Amino acid sequence: IVGEEPHRWSPLKRILVLVEGQTEERFIKDVLSPYLLSFNLAIIPTIVETKKLIGVPSRKGGGDFSKFKADVLTLLGDTHASAVTTLYDFYGFPKIPNVIETIYKDIQQLEAAIANVINNQRFKPYLQRHEFEAFMFIEPELTAKSALQRNKVGAIEGHRKAFDGVEDINLDPKRAPSKRLESEIGKYNKPRLGAAITNELGIERLIKECPKFSLWVQWLKSHATNE
């Protein structure tokens, strides 16, 4: 585990994170959680509930803003949690009622709008710019190998080299990271592939390659020293 050895007498501080789906949930459990445990932080993911029907299990993932807001407020109801945050894609985030459409073109404005609606000092929204799949372009050879398509290394690398950093990969909905990846390797199991790639890359590599993600991890770690 990377980081400082936790003090055995220090209690773990809990951070709850609302995630968009199984891929993000698995990433937090398999990659981010072990790293943060070395700072005496326990990060616990919850997948947003999208539909509740009597007598059947709730559907998970995606959803509209009302479900997102309700789940965030439920997590904030846990007064033992040090903080509540999110792991959602910027691309395709649910529409917030009564906000101007232009905020969906600026990730900082959208995060600010989310924070304003929730209005709680223990809450900080984090949106992945532009999608979780940006991680999969960090090392094209690893992604091609994990997808069992080694012949696609060059094609995946071409998408990567067209931008200064992997977090910038997008341009428009048809050329978002997920669409680019699918155009090269076809349909894929996002939770399985995402977990395999991010596990092998390791958290330090993700932090190095993704400045916005790095700032979020710094914010998470800041709770380790808060009284």
Protein backbone atom coordinates (compact mmCIF):
# COMPACT_ATOMS: atom_id res chain seq x y z
CA ILE A 1 0.00 0.00 0.00
CA VAL A 2 1.30 3.40 -0.99
CA GLY A 3 1.37 6.11 1.67
CA GLU A 4 2.11 6.47 5.31
CA GLU A 5 1.54 3.62 7.73
CA PRO A 6 -1.63 4.34 9.72
CA HIS A 7 -1.34 5.02 13.43
CA ARG A 8 -2.95 2.05 15.13
CA TRP A 9 -4.55 4.22 17.79
CA SER A 10 -6.17 6.58 15.26
CA PRO A 11 -9.77 5.71 14.34
CA LEU A 12 -10.64 5.48 10.67
CA LYS A 13 -12.48 8.45 9.25
CA ARG A 14 -15.30 7.51 6.90
CA ILE A 15 -15.98 9.21 3.57
CA LEU A 16 -19.12 8.21 1.69
CA VAL A 17 -19.15 8.47 -2.09
CA LEU A 18 -22.15 8.26 -4.39
CA VAL A 19 -21.15 6.56 -7.64
CA GLU A 20 -22.75 6.22 -11.02
CA GLY A 21 -22.45 2.49 -11.49
CA GLN A 22 -20.64 -0.79 -10.93
CA THR A 23 -17.45 0.35 -12.65
CA GLU A 24 -16.95 3.27 -10.28
CA GLU A 25 -17.97 1.15 -7.28
CA ARG A 26 -15.41 -1.51 -8.13
CA PHE A 27 -12.71 1.10 -8.77
CA ILE A 28 -13.23 2.61 -5.32
CA LYS A 29 -13.24 -0.76 -3.57
CA ASP A 30 -10.29 -2.27 -5.45
CA VAL A 31 -8.02 0.71 -6.16
CA LEU A 32 -8.87 3.86 -4.20
CA SER A 33 -9.91 2.30 -0.89
CA PRO A 34 -6.66 0.36 -0.25
CA TYR A 35 -4.66 3.51 -0.96
CA LEU A 36 -6.71 5.71 1.38
CA LEU A 37 -6.65 3.14 4.18
CA SER A 38 -2.96 3.96 4.56
CA PHE A 39 -4.11 7.44 5.62
CA ASN A 40 -6.68 6.11 8.10
CA LEU A 41 -9.51 6.86 5.69
CA ALA A 42 -12.31 4.45 4.84
CA ILE A 43 -14.04 5.39 1.58
CA ILE A 44 -17.38 3.66 1.09
CA PRO A 45 -19.18 3.68 -2.29
CA THR A 46 -22.92 3.63 -2.84
CA ILE A 47 -24.45 3.25 -6.31
CA VAL A 48 -27.22 5.75 -6.99
CA GLU A 49 -30.72 4.26 -7.00
CA THR A 50 -32.51 4.94 -10.25
CA LYS A 51 -35.89 3.32 -9.77
CA LYS A 52 -37.80 1.89 -6.83
CA LEU A 53 -40.59 -0.59 -7.43
CA ILE A 54 -42.62 -2.36 -4.74
CA GLY A 55 -41.63 -5.99 -4.37
CA VAL A 56 -38.54 -5.92 -6.62
CA PRO A 57 -34.92 -4.90 -6.05
CA SER A 58 -34.01 -1.29 -6.77
CA ARG A 59 -32.25 -0.57 -10.04
CA LYS A 60 -28.82 0.94 -9.74
CA GLY A 61 -26.74 3.34 -11.83
CA GLY A 62 -27.34 6.50 -13.84
CA GLY A 63 -30.66 8.05 -12.98
CA ASP A 64 -32.10 11.56 -12.93
CA PHE A 65 -31.06 14.40 -10.66
CA SER A 66 -33.88 13.85 -8.17
CA LYS A 67 -32.55 10.35 -7.43
CA PHE A 68 -29.00 11.70 -7.24
CA LYS A 69 -30.03 14.45 -4.81
CA ALA A 70 -32.08 12.10 -2.64
CA ASP A 71 -29.20 9.65 -2.33
CA VAL A 72 -26.68 12.41 -1.50
CA LEU A 73 -28.98 13.72 1.24
CA THR A 74 -29.40 10.19 2.61
CA LEU A 75 -25.63 9.79 2.82
CA LEU A 76 -25.33 13.18 4.52
CA GLY A 77 -27.77 11.89 7.11
CA ASP A 78 -24.97 9.67 8.40
CA THR A 79 -23.50 12.05 10.95
CA HIS A 80 -20.61 9.70 11.64
CA ALA A 81 -19.24 10.24 8.13
CA SER A 82 -16.55 12.91 7.85
CA ALA A 83 -17.60 13.86 4.32
CA VAL A 84 -19.74 12.90 1.34
CA THR A 85 -18.63 13.14 -2.26
CA THR A 86 -19.40 11.69 -5.71
CA LEU A 87 -17.74 9.86 -8.58
CA TYR A 88 -19.75 10.66 -11.71
CA ASP A 89 -18.91 11.36 -15.33
CA PHE A 90 -19.13 14.98 -16.47
CA TYR A 91 -20.41 13.72 -19.82
CA GLY A 92 -24.12 12.92 -19.55
CA PHE A 93 -24.66 14.16 -16.00
CA PRO A 94 -28.40 14.37 -15.16
CA LYS A 95 -30.09 17.70 -15.81
CA ILE A 96 -30.53 19.93 -12.77
CA PRO A 97 -33.91 21.73 -12.66
CA ASN A 98 -33.86 25.52 -13.03
CA VAL A 99 -30.22 25.97 -14.05
CA ILE A 100 -28.98 27.46 -17.30
CA GLU A 101 -27.99 25.00 -20.01
CA THR A 102 -24.54 26.50 -20.48
CA ILE A 103 -23.28 25.06 -17.17
CA TYR A 104 -23.16 21.66 -18.87
CA LYS A 105 -20.27 22.95 -20.98
CA ASP A 106 -18.11 23.82 -17.98
CA ILE A 107 -17.23 21.18 -15.39
CA GLN A 108 -16.39 23.68 -12.64
CA GLN A 109 -19.71 25.49 -13.11
CA LEU A 110 -21.61 22.20 -13.03
CA GLU A 111 -19.87 21.05 -9.85
CA ALA A 112 -20.62 24.44 -8.28
CA ALA A 113 -24.29 24.12 -9.25
CA ILE A 114 -24.50 20.66 -7.68
CA ALA A 115 -22.85 21.93 -4.50
CA ASN A 116 -25.26 24.87 -4.39
CA VAL A 117 -28.31 22.61 -4.62
CA ILE A 118 -27.10 20.27 -1.88
CA ASN A 119 -25.82 23.17 0.26
CA ASN A 120 -23.91 21.23 2.90
CA GLN A 121 -20.34 21.90 4.05
CA ARG A 122 -19.64 18.17 4.36
CA PHE A 123 -20.41 17.61 0.68
CA LYS A 124 -18.09 18.06 -2.29
CA PRO A 125 -19.20 16.90 -5.75
CA TYR A 126 -16.56 15.37 -7.99
CA LEU A 127 -17.13 14.80 -11.69
CA GLN A 128 -14.70 12.82 -13.80
CA ARG A 129 -13.52 14.79 -16.79
CA HIS A 130 -14.90 13.66 -19.15
CA GLU A 131 -15.51 9.99 -18.37
CA PHE A 132 -14.11 7.16 -16.29
CA GLU A 133 -12.86 5.61 -19.55
CA ALA A 134 -10.18 8.32 -19.78
CA PHE A 135 -8.13 6.12 -17.42
CA MET A 136 -8.06 3.45 -20.11
CA PHE A 137 -6.02 5.65 -22.45
CA ILE A 138 -3.15 6.19 -20.02
CA GLU A 139 -1.27 3.12 -21.23
CA PRO A 140 -2.60 1.93 -24.62
CA GLU A 141 -0.57 -1.28 -24.57
CA LEU A 142 -2.11 -2.31 -21.24
CA THR A 143 -5.62 -1.50 -22.45
CA ALA A 144 -5.18 -3.47 -25.66
CA LYS A 145 -3.75 -6.42 -23.74
CA SER A 146 -6.55 -6.32 -21.15
CA ALA A 147 -9.14 -6.24 -23.94
CA LEU A 148 -7.37 -9.20 -25.63
CA GLN A 149 -6.78 -7.07 -28.72
CA ARG A 150 -3.05 -6.39 -28.85
CA ASN A 151 -3.36 -5.34 -32.49
CA LYS A 152 -5.25 -2.21 -31.34
CA VAL A 153 -2.35 -0.64 -29.44
CA GLY A 154 -1.55 1.82 -32.22
CA ALA A 155 -5.16 2.87 -32.70
CA ILE A 156 -5.71 3.47 -28.98
CA GLU A 157 -2.41 5.33 -28.78
CA GLY A 158 -3.54 7.56 -31.65
CA HIS A 159 -6.48 8.81 -29.60
CA ARG A 160 -4.17 9.39 -26.63
CA LYS A 161 -1.59 11.36 -28.60
CA ALA A 162 -4.22 13.71 -30.05
CA PHE A 163 -4.57 15.40 -26.63
CA ASP A 164 -2.23 16.90 -24.06
CA GLY A 165 -3.64 14.67 -21.34
CA VAL A 166 -6.10 11.80 -21.06
CA GLU A 167 -8.60 13.91 -19.12
CA ASP A 168 -8.95 16.14 -22.19
CA ILE A 169 -10.03 13.32 -24.53
CA ASN A 170 -13.50 14.17 -25.83
CA LEU A 171 -14.45 16.92 -28.43
CA ASP A 172 -18.12 15.89 -28.70
CA PRO A 173 -20.50 13.12 -27.53
CA LYS A 174 -19.61 10.91 -30.50
CA ARG A 175 -15.92 11.17 -29.62
CA ALA A 176 -16.08 10.85 -25.85
CA PRO A 177 -13.54 8.40 -24.33
CA SER A 178 -16.07 5.54 -24.13
CA LYS A 179 -17.12 6.02 -27.76
CA ARG A 180 -13.49 6.11 -28.93
CA LEU A 181 -12.65 2.96 -27.00
CA GLU A 182 -15.69 1.12 -28.30
CA SER A 183 -14.84 2.14 -31.85
CA GLU A 184 -11.52 0.32 -31.51
CA ILE A 185 -12.28 -2.76 -29.39
CA GLY A 186 -16.05 -3.12 -29.82
CA LYS A 187 -18.47 -3.79 -26.96
CA TYR A 188 -16.68 -4.45 -23.71
CA ASN A 189 -17.39 -5.23 -20.06
CA LYS A 190 -16.76 -1.82 -18.47
CA PRO A 191 -16.56 -2.94 -14.82
CA ARG A 192 -14.21 -5.82 -15.58
CA LEU A 193 -11.96 -3.93 -17.99
CA GLY A 194 -11.94 -0.77 -15.86
CA ALA A 195 -10.95 -2.72 -12.75
CA ALA A 196 -8.24 -4.69 -14.53
CA ILE A 197 -6.62 -1.60 -16.08
CA THR A 198 -6.79 0.75 -13.08
CA ASN A 199 -5.59 -2.01 -10.75
CA GLU A 200 -2.50 -2.58 -12.85
CA LEU A 201 -1.83 1.13 -13.40
CA GLY A 202 -2.07 1.86 -9.68
CA ILE A 203 -3.31 4.98 -7.94
CA GLU A 204 -0.02 6.89 -8.19
CA ARG A 205 -0.03 6.59 -11.98
CA LEU A 206 -3.65 7.77 -12.16
CA ILE A 207 -2.81 10.77 -9.99
CA LYS A 208 0.20 11.62 -12.15
CA GLU A 209 -1.70 11.45 -15.44
CA CYS A 210 -4.97 13.08 -14.35
CA PRO A 211 -4.67 16.53 -12.67
CA LYS A 212 -8.36 16.93 -11.84
CA PHE A 213 -8.54 13.46 -10.35
CA SER A 214 -5.37 14.25 -8.41
CA LEU A 215 -6.99 17.30 -6.80
CA TRP A 216 -9.92 15.17 -5.69
CA VAL A 217 -7.62 12.60 -4.11
CA GLN A 218 -5.80 15.44 -2.32
CA TRP A 219 -9.14 16.65 -0.96
CA LEU A 220 -9.98 13.13 0.22
CA LYS A 221 -6.62 12.83 1.94
CA SER A 222 -7.07 16.23 3.63
CA HIS A 223 -9.64 14.60 5.92
CA ALA A 224 -6.95 12.43 7.43
CA THR A 225 -5.59 15.41 9.35
CA ASN A 226 -8.89 17.11 10.17
CA GLU A 227 -9.97 16.88 13.78
